[in-house]
Amino acid sequence: MSSLSDFAATAGQWRSWALMAQQDISLRYKRSVLGPLWISIALGITSLGVGLLYSAVFGLKATEFIRFLAVGFMTWSFIQALLTEGSAIVVEAAGHLRSVIIPVPVLAARMVWRNVIVLAHNLVLVLGIIALTYVYEGQDALAGFKPIALLAALGILTIAAIGYFLAIVLGPVCARFRDVSQIIANFLQLVFLMTPIFWRPDQVGERVWIRDWNPFYHVIELVRAPLLGTYPLALNWMVAGGVLAGVALLALLALPMTRDRVGLWI
């Protein structure tokens, strides 16, 4: 079986992994009244609370900073979930893999779709926050929503594709070396502090390398800039496209080397 056949299986079995993703969410929030909306509520509270505090500390306009923070934090949460859960796709499916052969790309698709569903909930809340900030400023609720905002969908698709290919690589590796998932979690904590999410990109002064050399910043801008009414920079697209091409190539190379060994590592 070739790598291409594994990816073909992902397309052919889309009903299966989509159903498994929905079942994952149902089981995770079993007997919860609001379900995944609790994630959205936490995101909203964090955005409003931190936005009001940090805007005062940095001397920024509160409504503008809350919009910036809400979109950035939503996008970061999506990226973080893709990486942390992507590293666990093989381990969490160990029970199934012992009895039936499931291609790793199918498991990756299940994980990505699960997080896209959660992102959809968060996006509704974030759009509501953006609308409320414009109303607070005395403007129409839809004042900030321009046609360019639709470009954020392409950014989300790019991030989802990056997460998909990374999961294909990280899932088997983390099943073989269980400490790698902990390394990823700690690495993401550092990256979170180094990425313009709680601070604006123009606040680095002369140390622009902190921003420009950070691929997470460029990927986040693909979603944040359109939702805030501006076009992402050409550099943002180039870096994100380079990352996507790199991880896709890495997945194509790693899949044949790990396919037959996954059963031994779970």
Protein backbone atom coordinates (compact mmCIF):
# COMPACT_ATOMS: atom_id res chain seq x y z
CA MET A 1 0.00 0.00 0.00
CA SER A 2 1.47 3.39 -1.04
CA SER A 3 1.23 6.73 0.68
CA LEU A 4 -1.10 7.94 -2.06
CA SER A 5 -3.50 5.08 -1.34
CA ASP A 6 -3.57 6.12 2.32
CA PHE A 7 -4.58 9.63 1.31
CA ALA A 8 -7.13 8.20 -1.11
CA ALA A 9 -8.58 6.22 1.79
CA THR A 10 -9.00 9.49 3.68
CA ALA A 11 -11.11 10.91 0.88
CA GLY A 12 -13.08 7.69 0.43
CA GLN A 13 -13.80 7.25 4.13
CA TRP A 14 -14.78 10.86 4.84
CA ARG A 15 -18.10 9.82 6.35
CA SER A 16 -16.31 7.58 8.85
CA TRP A 17 -13.81 10.10 10.14
CA ALA A 18 -16.39 12.90 10.16
CA LEU A 19 -18.72 10.73 12.25
CA MET A 20 -15.89 9.74 14.59
CA ALA A 21 -14.97 13.41 15.06
CA GLN A 22 -18.54 14.30 15.99
CA GLN A 23 -18.66 11.32 18.34
CA ASP A 24 -15.42 12.49 19.99
CA ILE A 25 -17.01 15.83 20.81
CA SER A 26 -20.19 14.21 22.06
CA LEU A 27 -18.25 11.88 24.38
CA ARG A 28 -15.93 14.64 25.58
CA TYR A 29 -18.87 16.80 26.65
CA LYS A 30 -21.26 14.05 27.67
CA ARG A 31 -23.90 15.27 30.15
CA SER A 32 -22.75 18.86 29.63
CA VAL A 33 -25.50 21.33 28.83
CA LEU A 34 -23.39 23.68 26.71
CA GLY A 35 -20.88 21.14 25.39
CA PRO A 36 -18.06 22.72 23.34
CA LEU A 37 -19.59 26.14 23.96
CA TRP A 38 -17.73 26.09 27.28
CA ILE A 39 -14.51 26.49 25.27
CA SER A 40 -16.02 29.46 23.48
CA ILE A 41 -17.18 31.02 26.76
CA ALA A 42 -13.69 30.64 28.24
CA LEU A 43 -12.19 32.23 25.13
CA GLY A 44 -14.62 35.13 25.34
CA ILE A 45 -13.96 35.75 29.04
CA THR A 46 -10.19 35.63 28.49
CA SER A 47 -10.37 38.00 25.52
CA LEU A 48 -12.49 40.56 27.37
CA GLY A 49 -10.60 40.33 30.67
CA VAL A 50 -7.08 40.34 29.28
CA GLY A 51 -8.05 42.84 26.58
CA LEU A 52 -9.26 45.39 29.13
CA LEU A 53 -6.20 44.86 31.34
CA TYR A 54 -3.49 44.86 28.68
CA SER A 55 -5.02 47.76 26.75
CA ALA A 56 -4.66 49.85 29.92
CA VAL A 57 -1.09 48.62 30.50
CA PHE A 58 0.01 49.26 26.91
CA GLY A 59 -2.01 52.45 26.52
CA LEU A 60 -4.08 51.08 23.63
CA LYS A 61 -7.68 51.62 22.64
CA ALA A 62 -9.58 48.89 24.50
CA THR A 63 -12.10 47.97 21.80
CA GLU A 64 -9.42 47.67 19.09
CA PHE A 65 -7.18 45.56 21.30
CA ILE A 66 -10.05 43.28 22.35
CA ARG A 67 -10.80 42.59 18.68
CA PHE A 68 -7.13 41.92 18.00
CA LEU A 69 -6.82 39.65 21.02
CA ALA A 70 -10.03 37.70 20.44
CA VAL A 71 -9.20 36.75 16.85
CA GLY A 72 -5.57 35.98 17.65
CA PHE A 73 -6.40 33.86 20.68
CA MET A 74 -9.07 31.95 18.74
CA THR A 75 -6.60 31.17 15.95
CA TRP A 76 -3.86 30.22 18.39
CA SER A 77 -6.23 27.87 20.24
CA PHE A 78 -6.95 26.17 16.91
CA ILE A 79 -3.25 25.79 16.10
CA GLN A 80 -2.41 24.55 19.59
CA ALA A 81 -5.19 21.96 19.51
CA LEU A 82 -4.06 20.68 16.11
CA LEU A 83 -0.50 20.19 17.33
CA THR A 84 -1.21 18.73 20.77
CA GLU A 85 -4.05 16.47 19.65
CA GLY A 86 -2.27 15.66 16.41
CA SER A 87 0.63 14.22 18.37
CA ALA A 88 -1.81 11.86 20.13
CA ILE A 89 -3.86 10.53 17.19
CA VAL A 90 -2.19 7.11 17.22
CA VAL A 91 -2.18 6.69 21.00
CA GLU A 92 -5.84 7.67 21.38
CA ALA A 93 -6.84 5.21 18.64
CA ALA A 94 -4.75 2.34 20.02
CA GLY A 95 -7.83 0.29 20.90
CA HIS A 96 -9.13 0.45 17.34
CA LEU A 97 -5.74 -0.09 15.73
CA ARG A 98 -5.25 -3.39 17.60
CA SER A 99 -8.25 -4.87 15.85
CA VAL A 100 -8.59 -3.03 12.54
CA ILE A 101 -6.23 -1.30 10.13
CA ILE A 102 -6.86 2.44 10.00
CA PRO A 103 -4.49 4.58 7.90
CA VAL A 104 -2.82 7.35 9.88
CA PRO A 105 -4.11 10.01 7.43
CA VAL A 106 -7.66 8.95 8.32
CA LEU A 107 -6.90 9.46 12.02
CA ALA A 108 -5.40 12.85 11.20
CA ALA A 109 -8.52 13.87 9.28
CA ARG A 110 -10.67 12.85 12.24
CA MET A 111 -8.62 15.05 14.56
CA VAL A 112 -8.64 18.05 12.21
CA TRP A 113 -12.40 17.91 11.62
CA ARG A 114 -13.02 17.65 15.36
CA ASN A 115 -11.12 20.87 15.91
CA VAL A 116 -12.73 22.60 12.95
CA ILE A 117 -16.10 22.01 14.62
CA VAL A 118 -14.82 23.58 17.83
CA LEU A 119 -13.34 26.46 15.84
CA ALA A 120 -16.74 27.09 14.25
CA HIS A 121 -18.25 27.56 17.72
CA ASN A 122 -15.43 29.90 18.72
CA LEU A 123 -15.71 31.88 15.49
CA VAL A 124 -19.37 32.67 16.15
CA LEU A 125 -18.49 34.04 19.58
CA VAL A 126 -15.51 36.04 18.29
CA LEU A 127 -17.63 37.60 15.55
CA GLY A 128 -20.12 38.53 18.25
CA ILE A 129 -17.36 40.16 20.30
CA ILE A 130 -16.18 42.14 17.27
CA ALA A 131 -19.74 43.33 16.58
CA LEU A 132 -20.24 44.38 20.22
CA THR A 133 -17.02 46.41 20.26
CA TYR A 134 -18.23 48.39 17.23
CA VAL A 135 -21.60 48.96 18.88
CA TYR A 136 -19.76 50.21 21.98
CA GLU A 137 -17.89 52.66 19.76
CA GLY A 138 -21.22 53.99 18.51
CA GLN A 139 -20.96 52.37 15.10
CA ASP A 140 -23.11 49.83 13.31
CA ALA A 141 -22.55 46.25 14.48
CA LEU A 142 -21.49 45.25 10.95
CA ALA A 143 -19.16 48.23 10.47
CA GLY A 144 -16.02 46.16 10.78
CA PHE A 145 -17.08 43.28 8.57
CA LYS A 146 -15.78 43.80 5.06
CA PRO A 147 -15.73 41.38 2.11
CA ILE A 148 -12.03 40.80 2.82
CA ALA A 149 -13.11 38.91 5.97
CA LEU A 150 -14.06 35.97 3.74
CA LEU A 151 -10.35 35.53 3.01
CA ALA A 152 -10.01 34.22 6.59
CA ALA A 153 -11.58 30.97 5.36
CA LEU A 154 -8.52 30.38 3.19
CA GLY A 155 -6.32 31.03 6.20
CA ILE A 156 -8.27 28.52 8.27
CA LEU A 157 -7.99 25.98 5.47
CA THR A 158 -4.22 26.54 5.31
CA ILE A 159 -3.85 26.04 9.06
CA ALA A 160 -6.01 22.90 8.95
CA ALA A 161 -3.88 21.47 6.13
CA ILE A 162 -0.67 22.18 8.05
CA GLY A 163 -2.13 20.51 11.14
CA TYR A 164 -3.25 17.53 9.06
CA PHE A 165 0.18 16.82 7.61
CA LEU A 166 1.94 17.47 10.92
CA ALA A 167 -0.37 14.97 12.65
CA ILE A 168 0.64 12.32 10.11
CA VAL A 169 4.26 12.87 11.14
CA LEU A 170 3.86 13.49 14.87
CA GLY A 171 1.23 10.84 15.61
CA PRO A 172 3.46 7.79 14.97
CA VAL A 173 6.57 9.51 16.37
CA CYS A 174 4.81 10.33 19.65
CA ALA A 175 3.50 6.76 19.84
CA ARG A 176 7.09 5.50 19.61
CA PHE A 177 8.65 8.19 21.82
CA ARG A 178 6.06 9.24 24.39
CA ASP A 179 8.17 12.12 25.69
CA VAL A 180 7.88 13.97 22.39
CA SER A 181 4.31 15.03 23.16
CA GLN A 182 5.53 16.67 26.38
CA ILE A 183 8.28 18.44 24.46
CA ILE A 184 5.68 19.77 22.02
CA ALA A 185 3.46 21.00 24.86
CA ASN A 186 6.33 22.88 26.51
CA PHE A 187 7.53 24.23 23.18
CA LEU A 188 4.06 25.65 22.48
CA GLN A 189 4.08 27.47 25.81
CA LEU A 190 7.28 29.26 24.79
CA VAL A 191 6.00 30.02 21.30
CA PHE A 192 2.78 31.43 22.75
CA LEU A 193 4.77 34.05 24.65
CA MET A 194 6.94 34.85 21.62
CA THR A 195 4.00 35.27 19.22
CA PRO A 196 1.98 38.51 18.84
CA ILE A 197 -1.24 37.37 20.50
CA PHE A 198 -1.32 39.23 23.83
CA TRP A 199 0.88 41.94 22.34
CA ARG A 200 0.79 43.73 19.00
CA PRO A 201 3.33 43.07 16.22
CA ASP A 202 4.44 46.72 16.21
CA GLN A 203 5.45 46.58 19.88
CA VAL A 204 8.75 44.75 19.30
CA GLY A 205 10.57 47.95 18.38
CA GLU A 206 13.79 47.26 16.50
CA ARG A 207 13.73 43.54 17.31
CA VAL A 208 11.51 42.73 14.36
CA TRP A 209 13.13 39.31 14.01
CA ILE A 210 11.03 38.15 16.98
CA ARG A 211 8.01 38.70 14.77
CA ASP A 212 9.28 38.14 11.24
CA TRP A 213 11.13 34.89 11.95
CA ASN A 214 8.17 33.39 13.77
CA PRO A 215 6.11 31.19 11.38
CA PHE A 216 3.26 31.05 13.91
CA TYR A 217 2.82 34.81 13.56
CA HIS A 218 2.55 34.61 9.78
CA VAL A 219 0.05 31.75 9.93
CA ILE A 220 -2.11 33.54 12.49
CA GLU A 221 -2.14 36.68 10.35
CA LEU A 222 -3.85 34.76 7.54
CA VAL A 223 -6.96 34.65 9.74
CA ARG A 224 -6.56 37.67 11.98
CA ALA A 225 -5.84 40.30 9.33
CA PRO A 226 -8.94 39.60 7.17
CA LEU A 227 -11.27 39.45 10.17
CA LEU A 228 -9.91 42.81 11.31
CA GLY A 229 -10.43 44.32 7.86
CA THR A 230 -6.94 44.24 6.31
CA TYR A 231 -5.10 42.07 3.82
CA PRO A 232 -2.41 39.68 5.07
CA LEU A 233 1.05 40.64 3.87
CA ALA A 234 2.65 38.82 0.95
CA LEU A 235 5.30 37.65 3.42
CA ASN A 236 2.58 36.03 5.55
CA TRP A 237 1.37 34.01 2.56
CA MET A 238 4.88 33.05 1.47
CA VAL A 239 5.89 31.81 4.90
CA ALA A 240 2.61 29.93 5.44
CA GLY A 241 2.85 28.40 1.95
CA GLY A 242 6.44 27.35 2.60
CA VAL A 243 5.46 25.74 5.91
CA LEU A 244 2.58 23.89 4.25
CA ALA A 245 4.77 22.61 1.44
CA GLY A 246 7.45 21.54 3.91
CA VAL A 247 5.17 19.59 6.22
CA ALA A 248 3.35 17.99 3.27
CA LEU A 249 6.66 16.74 1.89
CA LEU A 250 7.68 15.54 5.35
CA ALA A 251 4.41 13.63 5.69
CA LEU A 252 4.90 11.95 2.31
CA LEU A 253 8.38 10.85 3.38
CA ALA A 254 7.44 9.77 6.90
CA LEU A 255 4.28 7.83 6.12
CA PRO A 256 5.95 4.86 4.33
CA MET A 257 8.53 4.57 7.13
CA THR A 258 5.98 4.47 9.95
CA ARG A 259 2.96 2.73 8.41
CA ASP A 260 3.99 -0.85 9.24
CA ARG A 261 5.49 0.03 12.62
CA VAL A 262 2.50 1.76 14.20
CA GLY A 263 1.08 -1.55 15.41
CA LEU A 264 4.30 -2.26 17.31
CA TRP A 265 4.34 1.12 19.05
CA ILE A 266 0.88 1.16 20.60
